[in-house]
Amino acid sequence: MKYYFYHILSWPQLLYVAEDYGGKIVGYVLAKMEEETTECHGHITSLAVVRTHRKLGLATKLMTAAQNAMGEVFGAEYVSLHVRRSNRAAFNLYTQTLGYKIHDIEAKYYADGEDAYDMRKQLKGRQHQMLPRRVQEEEHLLVRSDAEDYESSLPFCWLIVVILKWYDPSNPDLMVRA
């Protein structure tokens, strides 16, 4: 859980959720900015859409929103992600729909020993904006450039509910790591 809270508090503008008309959360993307490299780039940590809402374009919309925020808010040069070699559906989404390319293969990346594709997508131009302490509304979320005052930057209790609803490591339909 700490891992997810760290993401939410550090990069609140890189968390997006999809809700159905009844307000039920049916998908999310959780991303971060890589801090330990010389290149400014983002990383998709986790993407999930419940089975009943797949093939509706939700994953594409969630990914596009996160990618756009990485470029516009942080000036990211590219976005990276990892995907299991056996996950053909996700691989096709990333390569065919979203334009990611294989950068490398990481042997035994996952706990069960499966390899991962290390994938990247170049972002068009660097559009870095500094928005210190300025709040901007975008698709029902408050977006900030810093997470220092997170309680006013995002509906914090709502985010905890989102994570708790989704956190079920025994249910592969809910937690699909990118």
C-alpha atoms as a PDB file:
ATOM      1  CA  MET A   1       0.000   0.000   0.000  1.00  0.00           C
ATOM      2  CA  LYS A   2       2.841   2.411   0.796  1.00  0.00           C
ATOM      3  CA  TYR A   3       3.972   2.133  -2.810  1.00  0.00           C
ATOM      4  CA  TYR A   4       0.622   3.390  -4.101  1.00  0.00           C
ATOM      5  CA  PHE A   5       0.308   6.160  -1.522  1.00  0.00           C
ATOM      6  CA  TYR A   6       3.804   7.345  -2.414  1.00  0.00           C
ATOM      7  CA  HIS A   7       2.718   7.684  -6.055  1.00  0.00           C
ATOM      8  CA  ILE A   8      -0.488   9.497  -5.162  1.00  0.00           C
ATOM      9  CA  LEU A   9       1.245  11.969  -2.884  1.00  0.00           C
ATOM     10  CA  SER A  10       4.226  12.563  -5.159  1.00  0.00           C
ATOM     11  CA  TRP A  11       2.481  12.768  -8.545  1.00  0.00           C
ATOM     12  CA  PRO A  12      -1.243  13.408  -7.965  1.00  0.00           C
ATOM     13  CA  GLN A  13      -1.583  14.806 -11.478  1.00  0.00           C
ATOM     14  CA  LEU A  14      -0.605  11.406 -12.907  1.00  0.00           C
ATOM     15  CA  LEU A  15      -3.506   9.411 -11.452  1.00  0.00           C
ATOM     16  CA  TYR A  16      -6.667   9.081 -13.515  1.00  0.00           C
ATOM     17  CA  VAL A  17      -9.731   6.926 -12.962  1.00  0.00           C
ATOM     18  CA  ALA A  18     -12.611   5.917 -15.211  1.00  0.00           C
ATOM     19  CA  GLU A  19     -16.065   5.676 -13.704  1.00  0.00           C
ATOM     20  CA  ASP A  20     -19.264   4.240 -15.118  1.00  0.00           C
ATOM     21  CA  TYR A  21     -22.461   6.310 -15.121  1.00  0.00           C
ATOM     22  CA  GLY A  22     -23.283   5.088 -11.630  1.00  0.00           C
ATOM     23  CA  GLY A  23     -19.985   6.378 -10.254  1.00  0.00           C
ATOM     24  CA  LYS A  24     -18.403   2.928  -9.916  1.00  0.00           C
ATOM     25  CA  ILE A  25     -14.687   2.954 -10.658  1.00  0.00           C
ATOM     26  CA  VAL A  26     -14.032   0.714 -13.646  1.00  0.00           C
ATOM     27  CA  GLY A  27     -10.446   1.618 -14.516  1.00  0.00           C
ATOM     28  CA  TYR A  28      -7.393   3.593 -13.512  1.00  0.00           C
ATOM     29  CA  VAL A  29      -3.864   4.511 -14.523  1.00  0.00           C
ATOM     30  CA  LEU A  30      -1.169   5.270 -11.974  1.00  0.00           C
ATOM     31  CA  ALA A  31       2.059   6.856 -13.191  1.00  0.00           C
ATOM     32  CA  LYS A  32       5.160   8.596 -11.897  1.00  0.00           C
ATOM     33  CA  MET A  33       8.110  10.645 -13.019  1.00  0.00           C
ATOM     34  CA  GLU A  34      11.487   8.925 -12.921  1.00  0.00           C
ATOM     35  CA  GLU A  35      13.702  10.865 -10.550  1.00  0.00           C
ATOM     36  CA  GLU A  36      17.050   9.132 -10.814  1.00  0.00           C
ATOM     37  CA  THR A  37      17.961   9.695 -14.454  1.00  0.00           C
ATOM     38  CA  THR A  38      19.397  12.551 -16.470  1.00  0.00           C
ATOM     39  CA  GLU A  39      16.486  12.393 -18.906  1.00  0.00           C
ATOM     40  CA  CYS A  40      13.117  13.705 -17.825  1.00  0.00           C
ATOM     41  CA  HIS A  41      10.668  10.881 -18.417  1.00  0.00           C
ATOM     42  CA  GLY A  42       7.527   9.377 -17.009  1.00  0.00           C
ATOM     43  CA  HIS A  43       6.707   5.788 -16.189  1.00  0.00           C
ATOM     44  CA  ILE A  44       3.361   3.996 -16.232  1.00  0.00           C
ATOM     45  CA  THR A  45       3.247   2.050 -12.985  1.00  0.00           C
ATOM     46  CA  SER A  46      -0.143   0.397 -13.281  1.00  0.00           C
ATOM     47  CA  LEU A  47      -3.079   0.327 -15.694  1.00  0.00           C
ATOM     48  CA  ALA A  48      -6.283  -1.634 -15.138  1.00  0.00           C
ATOM     49  CA  VAL A  49      -9.789  -1.795 -16.569  1.00  0.00           C
ATOM     50  CA  VAL A  50     -12.349  -4.291 -15.243  1.00  0.00           C
ATOM     51  CA  ARG A  51     -13.214  -7.019 -17.740  1.00  0.00           C
ATOM     52  CA  THR A  52     -16.797  -5.831 -18.215  1.00  0.00           C
ATOM     53  CA  HIS A  53     -15.561  -2.456 -19.484  1.00  0.00           C
ATOM     54  CA  ARG A  54     -12.725  -3.539 -21.762  1.00  0.00           C
ATOM     55  CA  LYS A  55     -12.748  -2.895 -25.516  1.00  0.00           C
ATOM     56  CA  LEU A  56     -14.455   0.485 -24.962  1.00  0.00           C
ATOM     57  CA  GLY A  57     -11.333   2.626 -25.326  1.00  0.00           C
ATOM     58  CA  LEU A  58     -11.008   3.353 -21.603  1.00  0.00           C
ATOM     59  CA  ALA A  59      -7.400   2.153 -21.339  1.00  0.00           C
ATOM     60  CA  THR A  60      -6.461   4.339 -24.308  1.00  0.00           C
ATOM     61  CA  LYS A  61      -8.132   7.383 -22.752  1.00  0.00           C
ATOM     62  CA  LEU A  62      -6.508   6.770 -19.375  1.00  0.00           C
ATOM     63  CA  MET A  63      -3.066   6.294 -20.915  1.00  0.00           C
ATOM     64  CA  THR A  64      -3.450   9.373 -23.116  1.00  0.00           C
ATOM     65  CA  ALA A  65      -4.424  11.514 -20.127  1.00  0.00           C
ATOM     66  CA  ALA A  66      -1.375  10.356 -18.140  1.00  0.00           C
ATOM     67  CA  GLN A  67       0.984  10.790 -21.102  1.00  0.00           C
ATOM     68  CA  ASN A  68      -0.330  14.296 -21.771  1.00  0.00           C
ATOM     69  CA  ALA A  69       0.147  15.282 -18.128  1.00  0.00           C
ATOM     70  CA  MET A  70       3.713  13.957 -18.169  1.00  0.00           C
ATOM     71  CA  GLY A  71       4.543  16.098 -21.181  1.00  0.00           C
ATOM     72  CA  GLU A  72       2.597  19.224 -20.296  1.00  0.00           C
ATOM     73  CA  VAL A  73       3.176  19.429 -16.540  1.00  0.00           C
ATOM     74  CA  PHE A  74       6.628  17.854 -16.210  1.00  0.00           C
ATOM     75  CA  GLY A  75       8.142  18.256 -19.688  1.00  0.00           C
ATOM     76  CA  ALA A  76       8.789  14.527 -20.077  1.00  0.00           C
ATOM     77  CA  GLU A  77      10.733  13.490 -23.162  1.00  0.00           C
ATOM     78  CA  TYR A  78       9.279   9.993 -23.232  1.00  0.00           C
ATOM     79  CA  VAL A  79       7.133   7.527 -21.289  1.00  0.00           C
ATOM     80  CA  SER A  80       8.265   4.048 -20.264  1.00  0.00           C
ATOM     81  CA  LEU A  81       6.427   0.983 -19.018  1.00  0.00           C
ATOM     82  CA  HIS A  82       6.915  -2.722 -18.445  1.00  0.00           C
ATOM     83  CA  VAL A  83       4.598  -5.423 -19.697  1.00  0.00           C
ATOM     84  CA  ARG A  84       4.724  -9.193 -19.351  1.00  0.00           C
ATOM     85  CA  ARG A  85       5.892 -10.982 -22.483  1.00  0.00           C
ATOM     86  CA  SER A  86       2.824 -13.225 -22.184  1.00  0.00           C
ATOM     87  CA  ASN A  87       0.321 -10.339 -21.995  1.00  0.00           C
ATOM     88  CA  ARG A  88      -0.574 -10.121 -25.687  1.00  0.00           C
ATOM     89  CA  ALA A  89      -3.635  -7.906 -25.170  1.00  0.00           C
ATOM     90  CA  ALA A  90      -1.649  -5.255 -23.288  1.00  0.00           C
ATOM     91  CA  PHE A  91       1.269  -5.563 -25.713  1.00  0.00           C
ATOM     92  CA  ASN A  92      -1.066  -4.929 -28.650  1.00  0.00           C
ATOM     93  CA  LEU A  93      -2.663  -1.949 -26.899  1.00  0.00           C
ATOM     94  CA  TYR A  94       0.739  -0.401 -26.247  1.00  0.00           C
ATOM     95  CA  THR A  95       2.242  -1.070 -29.690  1.00  0.00           C
ATOM     96  CA  GLN A  96      -0.706  -0.928 -32.094  1.00  0.00           C
ATOM     97  CA  THR A  97      -2.924   1.684 -30.451  1.00  0.00           C
ATOM     98  CA  LEU A  98      -0.589   3.837 -28.377  1.00  0.00           C
ATOM     99  CA  GLY A  99       2.646   3.716 -30.385  1.00  0.00           C
ATOM    100  CA  TYR A 100       5.073   2.248 -27.846  1.00  0.00           C
ATOM    101  CA  LYS A 101       8.217   0.480 -29.044  1.00  0.00           C
ATOM    102  CA  ILE A 102      10.250  -2.255 -27.371  1.00  0.00           C
ATOM    103  CA  HIS A 103      13.359  -0.693 -25.858  1.00  0.00           C
ATOM    104  CA  ASP A 104      14.733  -3.778 -24.115  1.00  0.00           C
ATOM    105  CA  ILE A 105      13.757  -7.099 -22.551  1.00  0.00           C
ATOM    106  CA  GLU A 106      14.272  -7.418 -18.806  1.00  0.00           C
ATOM    107  CA  ALA A 107      14.869 -11.037 -17.869  1.00  0.00           C
ATOM    108  CA  LYS A 108      12.954 -12.349 -14.859  1.00  0.00           C
ATOM    109  CA  TYR A 109      11.464  -8.919 -14.127  1.00  0.00           C
ATOM    110  CA  TYR A 110       8.354 -10.276 -12.409  1.00  0.00           C
ATOM    111  CA  ALA A 111       8.301 -12.181  -9.105  1.00  0.00           C
ATOM    112  CA  ASP A 112       7.247 -15.383 -10.874  1.00  0.00           C
ATOM    113  CA  GLY A 113      10.325 -15.187 -13.127  1.00  0.00           C
ATOM    114  CA  GLU A 114       8.589 -14.005 -16.284  1.00  0.00           C
ATOM    115  CA  ASP A 115      10.422 -11.579 -18.556  1.00  0.00           C
ATOM    116  CA  ALA A 116       9.123  -8.091 -19.275  1.00  0.00           C
ATOM    117  CA  TYR A 117       9.264  -5.888 -22.320  1.00  0.00           C
ATOM    118  CA  ASP A 118      10.713  -2.506 -21.374  1.00  0.00           C
ATOM    119  CA  MET A 119       8.734  -0.232 -23.696  1.00  0.00           C
ATOM    120  CA  ARG A 120       9.002   3.459 -24.526  1.00  0.00           C
ATOM    121  CA  LYS A 121       7.075   6.125 -26.344  1.00  0.00           C
ATOM    122  CA  GLN A 122       8.608   9.442 -27.368  1.00  0.00           C
ATOM    123  CA  LEU A 123       6.461  12.448 -26.565  1.00  0.00           C
ATOM    124  CA  LYS A 124       6.062  15.192 -29.131  1.00  0.00           C
ATOM    125  CA  GLY A 125       8.052  18.209 -28.041  1.00  0.00           C
ATOM    126  CA  ARG A 126       8.759  19.316 -24.528  1.00  0.00           C
ATOM    127  CA  GLN A 127       6.036  21.576 -23.225  1.00  0.00           C
ATOM    128  CA  HIS A 128       7.211  21.979 -19.651  1.00  0.00           C
ATOM    129  CA  GLN A 129       4.985  24.291 -17.630  1.00  0.00           C
ATOM    130  CA  MET A 130       5.760  25.456 -14.152  1.00  0.00           C
ATOM    131  CA  LEU A 131       2.552  25.798 -12.154  1.00  0.00           C
ATOM    132  CA  PRO A 132       3.792  26.360  -8.606  1.00  0.00           C
ATOM    133  CA  ARG A 133       0.917  26.560  -6.174  1.00  0.00           C
ATOM    134  CA  ARG A 134      -1.501  27.224  -8.984  1.00  0.00           C
ATOM    135  CA  VAL A 135      -4.458  24.936  -9.307  1.00  0.00           C
ATOM    136  CA  GLN A 136      -6.004  23.988 -12.599  1.00  0.00           C
ATOM    137  CA  GLU A 137      -9.207  21.975 -13.075  1.00  0.00           C
ATOM    138  CA  GLU A 138      -9.037  19.203 -15.637  1.00  0.00           C
ATOM    139  CA  GLU A 139     -11.694  16.523 -16.067  1.00  0.00           C
ATOM    140  CA  HIS A 140     -13.028  16.717 -12.499  1.00  0.00           C
ATOM    141  CA  LEU A 141      -9.577  16.538 -10.904  1.00  0.00           C
ATOM    142  CA  LEU A 142      -7.598  19.375  -9.417  1.00  0.00           C
ATOM    143  CA  VAL A 143      -4.147  19.361 -10.943  1.00  0.00           C
ATOM    144  CA  ARG A 144      -1.113  20.819  -9.208  1.00  0.00           C
ATOM    145  CA  SER A 145       2.539  20.958 -10.090  1.00  0.00           C
ATOM    146  CA  ASP A 146       3.570  20.054  -6.564  1.00  0.00           C
ATOM    147  CA  ALA A 147       2.184  17.640  -4.019  1.00  0.00           C
ATOM    148  CA  GLU A 148       3.307  19.595  -0.974  1.00  0.00           C
ATOM    149  CA  ASP A 149      -0.228  20.519   0.034  1.00  0.00           C
ATOM    150  CA  TYR A 150      -1.925  17.373  -1.242  1.00  0.00           C
ATOM    151  CA  GLU A 151      -5.048  17.701   0.881  1.00  0.00           C
ATOM    152  CA  SER A 152      -6.051  20.809  -1.063  1.00  0.00           C
ATOM    153  CA  SER A 153      -4.652  19.634  -4.394  1.00  0.00           C
ATOM    154  CA  LEU A 154      -6.801  16.516  -4.713  1.00  0.00           C
ATOM    155  CA  PRO A 155      -9.794  15.086  -2.943  1.00  0.00           C
ATOM    156  CA  PHE A 156      -7.475  13.019  -0.757  1.00  0.00           C
ATOM    157  CA  CYS A 157     -10.109  10.879   0.966  1.00  0.00           C
ATOM    158  CA  TRP A 158     -11.532   9.993  -2.437  1.00  0.00           C
ATOM    159  CA  LEU A 159      -8.107   8.779  -3.561  1.00  0.00           C
ATOM    160  CA  ILE A 160      -7.771   6.537  -0.550  1.00  0.00           C
ATOM    161  CA  VAL A 161     -11.174   5.050  -1.364  1.00  0.00           C
ATOM    162  CA  VAL A 162     -10.046   4.489  -4.964  1.00  0.00           C
ATOM    163  CA  ILE A 163      -6.936   2.619  -3.886  1.00  0.00           C
ATOM    164  CA  LEU A 164      -8.745   0.579  -1.250  1.00  0.00           C
ATOM    165  CA  LYS A 165     -11.445  -0.403  -3.746  1.00  0.00           C
ATOM    166  CA  TRP A 166      -8.800  -1.537  -6.202  1.00  0.00           C
ATOM    167  CA  TYR A 167      -6.318  -3.120  -3.839  1.00  0.00           C
ATOM    168  CA  ASP A 168      -6.973  -6.830  -4.026  1.00  0.00           C
ATOM    169  CA  PRO A 169      -3.816  -8.736  -4.956  1.00  0.00           C
ATOM    170  CA  SER A 170      -5.759 -12.007  -5.184  1.00  0.00           C
ATOM    171  CA  ASN A 171      -8.082 -10.681  -7.905  1.00  0.00           C
ATOM    172  CA  PRO A 172      -6.345 -10.468 -11.314  1.00  0.00           C
ATOM    173  CA  ASP A 173      -9.362  -8.657 -12.795  1.00  0.00           C
ATOM    174  CA  LEU A 174      -8.745  -5.654 -10.577  1.00  0.00           C
ATOM    175  CA  MET A 175      -4.982  -5.305 -10.279  1.00  0.00           C
ATOM    176  CA  VAL A 176      -3.285  -5.580 -13.646  1.00  0.00           C
ATOM    177  CA  ARG A 177       0.264  -4.245 -13.431  1.00  0.00           C
ATOM    178  CA  ALA A 178       1.534  -2.646 -16.611  1.00  0.00           C
END
